[in-house]
Amino acid sequence: MRPIDTEEKRIHFLFLLAIVLKGLNGLLEIGLGLLLMFTDTFSNVVFFLTRDAIIDDPDNYFATHLRAFASQSHEAFFIGGLYLVAHGSVKVFIAGTLWRNYSWAYPAAMAILALFILYEAIYVIQTYSIPFFLLSLFDVVMLWLVSHEYKKWPHHV
């Protein structure tokens, strides 16, 4: 077996792994979005977890700010949940169509990933968010993997 074949197999495996991770992330976002939209679970968990910190120190900066965030109106959580459901649905759609190997899914996925990366980059520049930076790195790698797989298609050569 030639070394390039081994490298291509490794890249293809990473592509499949990235698809699975993107799909699972999308399902998690949908689930969390539905929880935010239709239950008070998030607020209840925050209040439960910060209870001891507030008892020990009523002016605890982290606990008081986390509780203030969890005390937002139901409409705010509904909008946040709606965003998560929509974003997660797009991720699951991308992962599903790439997994099924539809030829039109590759350019569509590259366009959507590019938009995700643009949004994430703007957000990182504004907030210096490490998690969003890591998410954008994952999406850059995913974009490269999708592009690489698409270039291997016979009709595209």
C-alpha atoms as a PDB file:
ATOM      1  CA  MET A   1       0.000   0.000   0.000  1.00  0.00           C
ATOM      2  CA  ARG A   2       1.355   3.392  -0.956  1.00  0.00           C
ATOM      3  CA  PRO A   3       1.825   6.062   1.765  1.00  0.00           C
ATOM      4  CA  ILE A   4      -0.610   8.422   0.027  1.00  0.00           C
ATOM      5  CA  ASP A   5      -3.364   5.795   0.255  1.00  0.00           C
ATOM      6  CA  THR A   6      -2.795   5.536   3.989  1.00  0.00           C
ATOM      7  CA  GLU A   7      -2.875   9.318   4.330  1.00  0.00           C
ATOM      8  CA  GLU A   8      -6.103   9.546   2.301  1.00  0.00           C
ATOM      9  CA  LYS A   9      -7.704   6.875   4.470  1.00  0.00           C
ATOM     10  CA  ARG A  10      -6.678   8.795   7.576  1.00  0.00           C
ATOM     11  CA  ILE A  11      -8.136  12.027   6.193  1.00  0.00           C
ATOM     12  CA  HIS A  12     -11.349  10.242   5.203  1.00  0.00           C
ATOM     13  CA  PHE A  13     -11.619   8.775   8.713  1.00  0.00           C
ATOM     14  CA  LEU A  14     -11.193  12.275  10.202  1.00  0.00           C
ATOM     15  CA  PHE A  15     -13.883  13.514   7.807  1.00  0.00           C
ATOM     16  CA  LEU A  16     -16.313  10.837   9.002  1.00  0.00           C
ATOM     17  CA  LEU A  17     -15.430  11.529  12.631  1.00  0.00           C
ATOM     18  CA  ALA A  18     -16.016  15.267  12.138  1.00  0.00           C
ATOM     19  CA  ILE A  19     -19.411  14.529  10.575  1.00  0.00           C
ATOM     20  CA  VAL A  20     -20.408  12.388  13.555  1.00  0.00           C
ATOM     21  CA  LEU A  21     -19.207  15.042  16.032  1.00  0.00           C
ATOM     22  CA  LYS A  22     -21.038  17.795  14.136  1.00  0.00           C
ATOM     23  CA  GLY A  23     -24.231  15.727  14.102  1.00  0.00           C
ATOM     24  CA  LEU A  24     -24.005  14.880  17.805  1.00  0.00           C
ATOM     25  CA  ASN A  25     -23.314  18.522  18.611  1.00  0.00           C
ATOM     26  CA  GLY A  26     -26.392  19.487  16.603  1.00  0.00           C
ATOM     27  CA  LEU A  27     -28.556  16.952  18.457  1.00  0.00           C
ATOM     28  CA  LEU A  28     -27.255  18.272  21.783  1.00  0.00           C
ATOM     29  CA  GLU A  29     -28.076  21.840  20.736  1.00  0.00           C
ATOM     30  CA  ILE A  30     -31.598  20.804  19.737  1.00  0.00           C
ATOM     31  CA  GLY A  31     -32.125  19.058  23.072  1.00  0.00           C
ATOM     32  CA  LEU A  32     -30.788  21.974  25.106  1.00  0.00           C
ATOM     33  CA  GLY A  33     -32.815  24.424  23.027  1.00  0.00           C
ATOM     34  CA  LEU A  34     -36.005  22.494  23.703  1.00  0.00           C
ATOM     35  CA  LEU A  35     -35.168  22.412  27.418  1.00  0.00           C
ATOM     36  CA  LEU A  36     -34.677  26.180  27.431  1.00  0.00           C
ATOM     37  CA  MET A  37     -37.875  26.780  25.483  1.00  0.00           C
ATOM     38  CA  PHE A  38     -40.275  24.538  27.380  1.00  0.00           C
ATOM     39  CA  THR A  39     -38.915  23.973  30.906  1.00  0.00           C
ATOM     40  CA  ASP A  40     -37.382  25.850  33.820  1.00  0.00           C
ATOM     41  CA  THR A  41     -34.665  23.211  34.190  1.00  0.00           C
ATOM     42  CA  PHE A  42     -31.767  25.587  33.470  1.00  0.00           C
ATOM     43  CA  SER A  43     -32.878  28.115  36.094  1.00  0.00           C
ATOM     44  CA  ASN A  44     -33.593  25.393  38.649  1.00  0.00           C
ATOM     45  CA  VAL A  45     -30.161  23.821  38.180  1.00  0.00           C
ATOM     46  CA  VAL A  46     -28.386  27.203  38.465  1.00  0.00           C
ATOM     47  CA  PHE A  47     -30.254  28.086  41.643  1.00  0.00           C
ATOM     48  CA  PHE A  48     -29.543  24.642  43.114  1.00  0.00           C
ATOM     49  CA  LEU A  49     -25.819  24.777  42.269  1.00  0.00           C
ATOM     50  CA  THR A  50     -25.306  28.319  43.565  1.00  0.00           C
ATOM     51  CA  ARG A  51     -27.356  27.909  46.757  1.00  0.00           C
ATOM     52  CA  ASP A  52     -24.389  27.060  49.025  1.00  0.00           C
ATOM     53  CA  ALA A  53     -22.194  29.797  47.547  1.00  0.00           C
ATOM     54  CA  ILE A  54     -24.886  32.412  48.222  1.00  0.00           C
ATOM     55  CA  ILE A  55     -25.377  31.127  51.787  1.00  0.00           C
ATOM     56  CA  ASP A  56     -21.616  31.328  52.449  1.00  0.00           C
ATOM     57  CA  ASP A  57     -21.177  34.709  50.775  1.00  0.00           C
ATOM     58  CA  PRO A  58     -24.287  36.636  49.682  1.00  0.00           C
ATOM     59  CA  ASP A  59     -22.043  38.949  47.597  1.00  0.00           C
ATOM     60  CA  ASN A  60     -20.308  36.113  45.705  1.00  0.00           C
ATOM     61  CA  TYR A  61     -19.637  37.693  42.315  1.00  0.00           C
ATOM     62  CA  PHE A  62     -19.909  34.540  40.211  1.00  0.00           C
ATOM     63  CA  ALA A  63     -22.984  33.110  41.950  1.00  0.00           C
ATOM     64  CA  THR A  64     -24.923  36.393  41.960  1.00  0.00           C
ATOM     65  CA  HIS A  65     -24.228  37.021  38.278  1.00  0.00           C
ATOM     66  CA  LEU A  66     -25.091  33.463  37.317  1.00  0.00           C
ATOM     67  CA  ARG A  67     -28.371  33.747  39.247  1.00  0.00           C
ATOM     68  CA  ALA A  68     -29.145  37.072  37.586  1.00  0.00           C
ATOM     69  CA  PHE A  69     -28.611  35.430  34.207  1.00  0.00           C
ATOM     70  CA  ALA A  70     -30.845  32.496  35.177  1.00  0.00           C
ATOM     71  CA  SER A  71     -33.567  34.897  36.334  1.00  0.00           C
ATOM     72  CA  GLN A  72     -34.189  36.334  32.882  1.00  0.00           C
ATOM     73  CA  SER A  73     -37.668  36.297  31.439  1.00  0.00           C
ATOM     74  CA  HIS A  74     -39.078  33.181  29.864  1.00  0.00           C
ATOM     75  CA  GLU A  75     -39.127  35.021  26.519  1.00  0.00           C
ATOM     76  CA  ALA A  76     -35.337  35.439  26.636  1.00  0.00           C
ATOM     77  CA  PHE A  77     -34.873  31.718  27.238  1.00  0.00           C
ATOM     78  CA  PHE A  78     -37.403  30.931  24.521  1.00  0.00           C
ATOM     79  CA  ILE A  79     -35.482  33.028  21.979  1.00  0.00           C
ATOM     80  CA  GLY A  80     -32.179  31.462  23.046  1.00  0.00           C
ATOM     81  CA  GLY A  81     -33.730  28.016  22.811  1.00  0.00           C
ATOM     82  CA  LEU A  82     -35.164  28.791  19.392  1.00  0.00           C
ATOM     83  CA  TYR A  83     -31.677  29.827  18.223  1.00  0.00           C
ATOM     84  CA  LEU A  84     -30.189  26.573  19.549  1.00  0.00           C
ATOM     85  CA  VAL A  85     -32.880  24.455  17.888  1.00  0.00           C
ATOM     86  CA  ALA A  86     -32.395  26.224  14.546  1.00  0.00           C
ATOM     87  CA  HIS A  87     -28.589  26.091  14.728  1.00  0.00           C
ATOM     88  CA  GLY A  88     -28.644  22.455  15.832  1.00  0.00           C
ATOM     89  CA  SER A  89     -31.058  21.526  13.044  1.00  0.00           C
ATOM     90  CA  VAL A  90     -28.730  23.031  10.444  1.00  0.00           C
ATOM     91  CA  LYS A  91     -25.802  21.066  11.904  1.00  0.00           C
ATOM     92  CA  VAL A  92     -27.765  17.805  11.898  1.00  0.00           C
ATOM     93  CA  PHE A  93     -28.877  18.496   8.312  1.00  0.00           C
ATOM     94  CA  ILE A  94     -25.275  19.128   7.212  1.00  0.00           C
ATOM     95  CA  ALA A  95     -24.019  16.004   8.968  1.00  0.00           C
ATOM     96  CA  GLY A  96     -26.827  13.827   7.625  1.00  0.00           C
ATOM     97  CA  THR A  97     -26.467  14.910   4.019  1.00  0.00           C
ATOM     98  CA  LEU A  98     -22.679  14.582   4.080  1.00  0.00           C
ATOM     99  CA  TRP A  99     -22.953  11.157   5.707  1.00  0.00           C
ATOM    100  CA  ARG A 100     -25.324  10.056   2.924  1.00  0.00           C
ATOM    101  CA  ASN A 101     -22.770  11.382   0.427  1.00  0.00           C
ATOM    102  CA  TYR A 102     -25.092  13.636  -1.586  1.00  0.00           C
ATOM    103  CA  SER A 103     -23.025  15.540  -4.149  1.00  0.00           C
ATOM    104  CA  TRP A 104     -24.948  18.810  -3.614  1.00  0.00           C
ATOM    105  CA  ALA A 105     -24.329  18.618   0.133  1.00  0.00           C
ATOM    106  CA  TYR A 106     -20.622  19.374  -0.159  1.00  0.00           C
ATOM    107  CA  PRO A 107     -20.897  22.895  -1.644  1.00  0.00           C
ATOM    108  CA  ALA A 108     -23.896  23.617   0.614  1.00  0.00           C
ATOM    109  CA  ALA A 109     -21.982  22.467   3.687  1.00  0.00           C
ATOM    110  CA  MET A 110     -18.947  24.544   2.708  1.00  0.00           C
ATOM    111  CA  ALA A 111     -21.116  27.659   2.322  1.00  0.00           C
ATOM    112  CA  ILE A 112     -22.892  27.091   5.644  1.00  0.00           C
ATOM    113  CA  LEU A 113     -19.627  26.333   7.448  1.00  0.00           C
ATOM    114  CA  ALA A 114     -18.095  29.501   5.995  1.00  0.00           C
ATOM    115  CA  LEU A 115     -21.033  31.494   7.399  1.00  0.00           C
ATOM    116  CA  PHE A 116     -20.642  29.791  10.788  1.00  0.00           C
ATOM    117  CA  ILE A 117     -16.918  30.619  10.780  1.00  0.00           C
ATOM    118  CA  LEU A 118     -17.588  34.246   9.864  1.00  0.00           C
ATOM    119  CA  TYR A 119     -20.122  34.612  12.690  1.00  0.00           C
ATOM    120  CA  GLU A 120     -17.837  32.849  15.166  1.00  0.00           C
ATOM    121  CA  ALA A 121     -14.857  35.019  14.170  1.00  0.00           C
ATOM    122  CA  ILE A 122     -16.865  38.210  14.681  1.00  0.00           C
ATOM    123  CA  TYR A 123     -18.071  36.925  18.055  1.00  0.00           C
ATOM    124  CA  VAL A 124     -14.538  35.968  19.129  1.00  0.00           C
ATOM    125  CA  ILE A 125     -13.188  39.386  18.137  1.00  0.00           C
ATOM    126  CA  GLN A 126     -15.923  41.105  20.145  1.00  0.00           C
ATOM    127  CA  THR A 127     -15.861  38.903  23.263  1.00  0.00           C
ATOM    128  CA  TYR A 128     -12.489  37.083  23.292  1.00  0.00           C
ATOM    129  CA  SER A 129     -14.439  33.870  23.895  1.00  0.00           C
ATOM    130  CA  ILE A 130     -12.112  30.856  24.122  1.00  0.00           C
ATOM    131  CA  PRO A 131     -14.925  28.283  23.582  1.00  0.00           C
ATOM    132  CA  PHE A 132     -16.091  30.096  20.441  1.00  0.00           C
ATOM    133  CA  PHE A 133     -12.486  30.274  19.240  1.00  0.00           C
ATOM    134  CA  LEU A 134     -12.157  26.507  19.661  1.00  0.00           C
ATOM    135  CA  LEU A 135     -15.509  25.986  17.940  1.00  0.00           C
ATOM    136  CA  SER A 136     -14.366  28.104  15.019  1.00  0.00           C
ATOM    137  CA  LEU A 137     -11.135  26.093  14.765  1.00  0.00           C
ATOM    138  CA  PHE A 138     -13.197  22.899  14.608  1.00  0.00           C
ATOM    139  CA  ASP A 139     -15.336  24.430  11.861  1.00  0.00           C
ATOM    140  CA  VAL A 140     -12.233  25.520   9.903  1.00  0.00           C
ATOM    141  CA  VAL A 141     -10.900  21.955  10.055  1.00  0.00           C
ATOM    142  CA  MET A 142     -14.333  20.631   9.095  1.00  0.00           C
ATOM    143  CA  LEU A 143     -14.471  23.054   6.150  1.00  0.00           C
ATOM    144  CA  TRP A 144     -11.066  21.838   4.967  1.00  0.00           C
ATOM    145  CA  LEU A 145     -12.119  18.192   5.322  1.00  0.00           C
ATOM    146  CA  VAL A 146     -15.354  18.762   3.371  1.00  0.00           C
ATOM    147  CA  SER A 147     -13.428  20.619   0.672  1.00  0.00           C
ATOM    148  CA  HIS A 148     -10.835  17.839   0.488  1.00  0.00           C
ATOM    149  CA  GLU A 149     -13.500  15.137   0.179  1.00  0.00           C
ATOM    150  CA  TYR A 150     -15.370  17.126  -2.468  1.00  0.00           C
ATOM    151  CA  LYS A 151     -12.230  17.473  -4.588  1.00  0.00           C
ATOM    152  CA  LYS A 152     -11.950  13.670  -4.681  1.00  0.00           C
ATOM    153  CA  TRP A 153     -15.331  13.317  -6.398  1.00  0.00           C
ATOM    154  CA  PRO A 154     -14.893  12.022  -9.982  1.00  0.00           C
ATOM    155  CA  HIS A 155     -17.215  14.616 -11.521  1.00  0.00           C
ATOM    156  CA  HIS A 156     -15.307  17.443  -9.876  1.00  0.00           C
ATOM    157  CA  VAL A 157     -11.803  16.495 -11.087  1.00  0.00           C
END
